[in-house]
Protein backbone atom coordinates (compact mmCIF):
# COMPACT_ATOMS: atom_id res chain seq x y z
CA UNK A 1 0.08 -0.37 0.04
CA UNK A 2 2.66 2.59 1.01
CA UNK A 3 4.65 1.44 -2.37
CA UNK A 4 1.25 2.44 -4.39
CA UNK A 5 -0.25 5.37 -2.48
CA UNK A 6 3.07 7.05 -1.31
CA UNK A 7 4.67 9.40 -4.50
CA UNK A 8 7.22 10.46 -2.58
CA UNK A 9 8.35 7.24 -1.36
CA UNK A 10 8.22 5.82 -5.18
CA UNK A 11 10.43 8.76 -5.78
CA UNK A 12 12.97 8.06 -3.10
CA UNK A 13 13.05 4.29 -4.02
CA UNK A 14 13.91 5.49 -7.50
CA UNK A 15 16.26 8.18 -6.82
CA UNK A 16 18.28 5.27 -5.00
CA UNK A 17 18.08 2.64 -7.35
CA UNK A 18 19.51 5.05 -9.77
CA UNK A 19 22.27 5.95 -7.59
CA UNK A 20 23.41 2.25 -7.66
CA UNK A 21 22.53 1.52 -10.73
CA UNK A 22 24.89 4.45 -12.56
CA UNK A 23 27.61 3.91 -9.85
CA UNK A 24 27.68 0.69 -8.04
CA UNK A 25 31.27 0.77 -6.62
CA UNK A 26 30.75 4.64 -5.26
CA UNK A 27 27.48 4.76 -3.70
CA UNK A 28 26.72 4.20 -0.01
CA UNK A 29 23.22 4.44 1.01
CA UNK A 30 22.15 6.01 4.22
CA UNK A 31 19.79 4.11 6.37
CA UNK A 32 15.91 4.95 5.77
CA UNK A 33 13.47 4.99 8.34
CA UNK A 34 10.46 2.67 8.00
CA UNK A 35 7.35 2.31 10.05
CA UNK A 36 6.96 -0.92 11.70
CA UNK A 37 4.27 -2.27 9.35
CA UNK A 38 6.43 -1.48 6.40
CA UNK A 39 9.54 -3.07 7.77
CA UNK A 40 7.66 -6.28 8.49
CA UNK A 41 6.16 -6.41 4.66
CA UNK A 42 9.78 -5.73 3.30
CA UNK A 43 11.34 -8.53 5.42
CA UNK A 44 8.77 -10.70 4.91
CA UNK A 45 9.09 -10.22 0.75
CA UNK A 46 12.27 -10.28 1.14
CA UNK A 47 12.66 -13.78 2.60
CA UNK A 48 9.64 -15.04 0.23
CA UNK A 49 11.69 -13.60 -2.72
CA UNK A 50 14.98 -15.70 -1.41
CA UNK A 51 12.83 -18.75 -1.39
CA UNK A 52 12.12 -17.97 -5.15
CA UNK A 53 15.22 -17.44 -6.22
CA UNK A 54 16.46 -20.88 -4.28
CA UNK A 55 14.02 -22.70 -6.75
CA UNK A 56 15.08 -20.98 -9.40
CA UNK A 57 18.61 -21.92 -9.00
CA UNK A 58 17.71 -25.60 -8.86
CA UNK A 59 15.84 -25.12 -12.33
CA UNK A 60 18.93 -23.60 -13.44
CA UNK A 61 21.71 -26.48 -12.18
CA UNK A 62 18.79 -28.97 -13.83
CA UNK A 63 19.21 -27.34 -16.99
CA UNK A 64 22.79 -26.27 -17.14
CA UNK A 65 24.08 -29.70 -15.90
CA UNK A 66 22.39 -31.77 -18.70
CA UNK A 67 23.72 -29.62 -21.39
CA UNK A 68 27.36 -29.37 -20.04
CA UNK A 69 27.67 -32.75 -19.29
CA UNK A 70 26.59 -33.80 -22.99
CA UNK A 71 28.91 -31.56 -24.81
CA UNK A 72 32.30 -31.91 -21.79
CA UNK A 73 35.30 -33.66 -22.97
CA UNK A 74 35.67 -37.19 -21.84
CA UNK A 75 38.50 -36.22 -19.49
CA UNK A 76 36.54 -33.77 -17.82
CA UNK A 77 33.01 -35.72 -17.18
CA UNK A 78 33.74 -36.98 -13.60
CA UNK A 79 35.01 -33.55 -12.76
CA UNK A 80 31.69 -31.95 -14.07
CA UNK A 81 29.24 -34.26 -12.95
CA UNK A 82 30.76 -33.95 -9.18
CA UNK A 83 30.80 -30.16 -9.88
CA UNK A 84 26.74 -30.03 -10.41
CA UNK A 85 26.15 -32.85 -8.12
CA UNK A 86 27.78 -30.48 -4.97
CA UNK A 87 26.23 -27.72 -6.33
CA UNK A 88 22.50 -29.16 -6.41
CA UNK A 89 23.09 -30.48 -3.01
CA UNK A 90 24.29 -27.10 -1.86
CA UNK A 91 21.34 -25.67 -3.37
CA UNK A 92 18.98 -27.76 -1.95
CA UNK A 93 20.69 -27.01 1.76
CA UNK A 94 20.36 -22.99 0.96
CA UNK A 95 16.56 -23.51 0.07
CA UNK A 96 15.98 -25.41 3.23
CA UNK A 97 17.39 -22.71 5.35
CA UNK A 98 15.39 -19.97 3.33
CA UNK A 99 12.05 -21.63 3.62
CA UNK A 100 12.88 -22.79 7.55
CA UNK A 101 13.55 -18.88 8.08
CA UNK A 102 10.41 -18.08 6.50
CA UNK A 103 8.34 -20.36 8.48
CA UNK A 104 10.27 -19.06 11.80
CA UNK A 105 9.34 -15.59 10.64
CA UNK A 106 5.90 -15.71 10.31
CA UNK A 107 5.88 -17.76 13.53
CA UNK A 108 7.88 -15.08 15.55
CA UNK A 109 5.83 -11.88 13.88
CA UNK A 110 2.68 -13.53 14.23
CA UNK A 111 2.42 -15.39 17.91
CA UNK A 112 2.61 -11.94 19.34
CA UNK A 113 -1.09 -11.13 18.16
CA UNK A 114 -3.22 -13.54 20.40
CA UNK A 115 -5.84 -13.82 17.09
CA UNK A 116 -2.85 -15.85 15.44
CA UNK A 117 -0.23 -17.46 18.09
CA UNK A 118 -2.58 -20.89 18.41
CA UNK A 119 -2.46 -20.99 14.57
CA UNK A 120 0.95 -19.84 13.27
CA UNK A 121 2.53 -22.50 16.13
CA UNK A 122 0.76 -25.06 15.01
CA UNK A 123 0.56 -24.83 11.41
CA UNK A 124 4.14 -23.43 11.40
CA UNK A 125 5.73 -26.42 13.68
CA UNK A 126 3.96 -29.01 11.02
CA UNK A 127 5.04 -27.56 7.91
CA UNK A 128 8.68 -27.34 9.36
CA UNK A 129 9.08 -30.96 10.24
CA UNK A 130 7.41 -31.78 7.00
CA UNK A 131 9.91 -29.74 4.91
CA UNK A 132 12.76 -31.24 7.24
CA UNK A 133 11.25 -35.07 6.48
CA UNK A 134 11.10 -34.03 2.73
CA UNK A 135 14.86 -33.01 2.18
CA UNK A 136 16.51 -34.96 5.00
CA UNK A 137 18.09 -37.68 2.50
CA UNK A 138 19.64 -34.57 0.49
CA UNK A 139 20.63 -32.85 3.58
CA UNK A 140 22.58 -35.93 4.46
CA UNK A 141 24.28 -36.21 1.28
CA UNK A 142 25.42 -32.71 1.33
CA UNK A 143 27.14 -33.84 4.57
CA UNK A 144 28.36 -36.34 3.30
CA UNK A 145 29.96 -34.39 0.58
CA UNK A 146 31.42 -31.40 2.91
CA UNK A 147 32.45 -33.28 5.51
CA UNK A 148 33.37 -36.49 4.23
CA UNK A 149 34.87 -38.34 1.13
CA UNK A 150 33.56 -36.40 -1.58
CA UNK A 151 30.72 -38.21 -3.23
CA UNK A 152 32.06 -41.90 -1.59
CA UNK A 153 29.10 -42.31 0.26
CA UNK A 154 26.51 -39.91 -0.88
CA UNK A 155 26.59 -40.84 -4.73
CA UNK A 156 27.19 -44.58 -5.62
CA UNK A 157 27.01 -44.33 -9.42
CA UNK A 158 29.58 -41.28 -8.97
CA UNK A 159 31.57 -43.51 -6.49
CA UNK A 160 31.78 -46.50 -9.21
CA UNK A 161 33.16 -43.59 -11.96
CA UNK A 162 35.82 -42.23 -9.87
CA UNK A 163 37.23 -45.77 -8.91
CA UNK A 164 36.91 -46.23 -12.70
CA UNK A 165 38.45 -43.38 -13.69
CA UNK A 166 41.36 -44.63 -11.48
CA UNK A 167 41.83 -48.13 -12.35
CA UNK A 168 41.97 -46.77 -16.16
CA UNK A 169 43.90 -43.43 -16.02
CA UNK A 170 45.98 -44.44 -13.17
CA UNK A 171 46.26 -48.01 -13.14
CA UNK A 172 46.29 -48.74 -16.67
CA UNK A 173 43.40 -51.27 -16.94
CA UNK A 174 42.49 -50.35 -20.13
CA UNK A 175 39.91 -53.60 -20.29
CA UNK A 176 37.81 -51.17 -18.02
CA UNK A 177 37.84 -48.65 -20.61
CA UNK A 178 34.27 -49.38 -21.83
CA UNK A 179 32.60 -49.95 -18.40
CA UNK A 180 33.99 -46.37 -17.62
CA UNK A 181 31.83 -45.01 -20.78
CA UNK A 182 29.11 -46.89 -19.50
CA UNK A 183 29.39 -45.36 -15.96
CA UNK A 184 30.02 -41.96 -17.35
CA UNK A 185 26.51 -42.18 -18.96
CA UNK A 186 24.82 -43.77 -15.92
CA UNK A 187 26.46 -41.19 -13.64
CA UNK A 188 25.05 -38.49 -15.44
CA UNK A 189 21.54 -39.79 -16.04
CA UNK A 190 21.43 -40.24 -12.36
CA UNK A 191 22.57 -36.88 -11.95
CA UNK A 192 19.40 -35.61 -14.24
CA UNK A 193 16.83 -37.93 -12.60
CA UNK A 194 18.16 -36.28 -8.75
CA UNK A 195 18.07 -32.80 -9.70
CA UNK A 196 14.80 -33.03 -11.55
CA UNK A 197 13.06 -34.45 -8.91
CA UNK A 198 14.23 -32.42 -6.15
CA UNK A 199 13.81 -29.61 -8.42
CA UNK A 200 10.13 -30.08 -8.47
CA UNK A 201 9.72 -30.86 -4.72
CA UNK A 202 11.41 -27.85 -3.72
CA UNK A 203 8.81 -25.82 -5.54
CA UNK A 204 6.20 -28.31 -4.16
CA UNK A 205 7.26 -27.51 -0.55
CA UNK A 206 7.39 -24.19 -1.45
CA UNK A 207 3.85 -24.07 -2.67
CA UNK A 208 2.83 -26.12 0.67
CA UNK A 209 4.03 -23.76 3.09
CA UNK A 210 2.34 -20.88 1.35
CA UNK A 211 -0.78 -22.39 1.27
CA UNK A 212 -0.48 -23.79 4.80
CA UNK A 213 -0.30 -20.24 6.17
CA UNK A 214 -2.53 -18.68 3.80
CA UNK A 215 -5.78 -19.92 5.06
CA UNK A 216 -4.78 -17.73 8.59
CA UNK A 217 -2.75 -14.81 7.20
CA UNK A 218 -4.25 -14.19 3.69
CA UNK A 219 -7.46 -12.45 2.85
CA UNK A 220 -9.61 -13.23 0.25
CA UNK A 221 -8.84 -10.34 -1.81
CA UNK A 222 -4.96 -11.58 -1.70
CA UNK A 223 -4.05 -9.03 0.68
CA UNK A 224 -1.71 -10.22 3.75
CA UNK A 225 -3.10 -9.32 7.23
CA UNK A 226 -0.38 -7.60 9.19
CA UNK A 227 -0.35 -8.62 12.99
CA UNK A 228 -2.08 -5.78 14.79
CA UNK A 229 1.09 -4.78 16.55
CA UNK A 230 2.59 -4.21 13.53
CA UNK A 231 -0.13 -1.91 11.79
CA UNK A 232 0.62 1.84 11.30
CA UNK A 233 -3.38 1.81 11.43
CA UNK A 234 -5.27 -0.61 13.34
CA UNK A 235 -8.11 -0.05 11.93
CA UNK A 236 -6.70 -0.56 8.30
CA UNK A 237 -8.35 -3.92 7.99
CA UNK A 238 -11.87 -2.91 8.62
CA UNK A 239 -10.91 -0.37 5.91
CA UNK A 240 -10.28 -2.86 3.62
CA UNK A 241 -12.99 -4.94 4.10
CA UNK A 242 -15.51 -2.23 4.04
CA UNK A 243 -14.30 -0.68 0.87
CA UNK A 244 -14.66 -4.13 -0.72
CA UNK A 245 -18.59 -4.47 0.17
């Protein structure tokens, strides 16, 4: 509402944005005073948008991984599959962190309003548990990649390919060359399958979180309900409802 109705705010936002666009290295923007309501809506949107960005990053990895594996030279095949495997595991981890942060933000902001306390606590806890359960295998795999032998325990196909690389390139067992070529295809196919599945799953989880909270904090006219203690105008909701009748 502030963005739509306050021309001075629109001009200020435009002017500050143009400063950064024209001189990104030289511009230092001072803090701008915000109301409690505007700060809440800004932070809500930022967390919401970060979840979208993580979902888009998983989609990007899905698309780029397939194209790069098909076109990369054979001697860099294993390194490329490993890179995309770890990239997508890391992005899944980031996605979970951001989605859980969004859930916590909603719970913390709304639970101080008695009308929402029970709803956001129950729904938020249930959604957080659901997200963690669905992504648990990937989060565990990421830990294996980061803290233990890379891909050895997290991805059997990649582990097999790495050993075949050693057998052929280091120990000179040329009779395994055909097996390695097939293993390269298998590792790439398994990577594509995993990334496609979990990219779709990420969007599903994001949708479920939004749907789960929407019943309690979103009006039928698609306007978010601001908690009472954060409203600039406590009667704003009543005015909106009257204007729609």
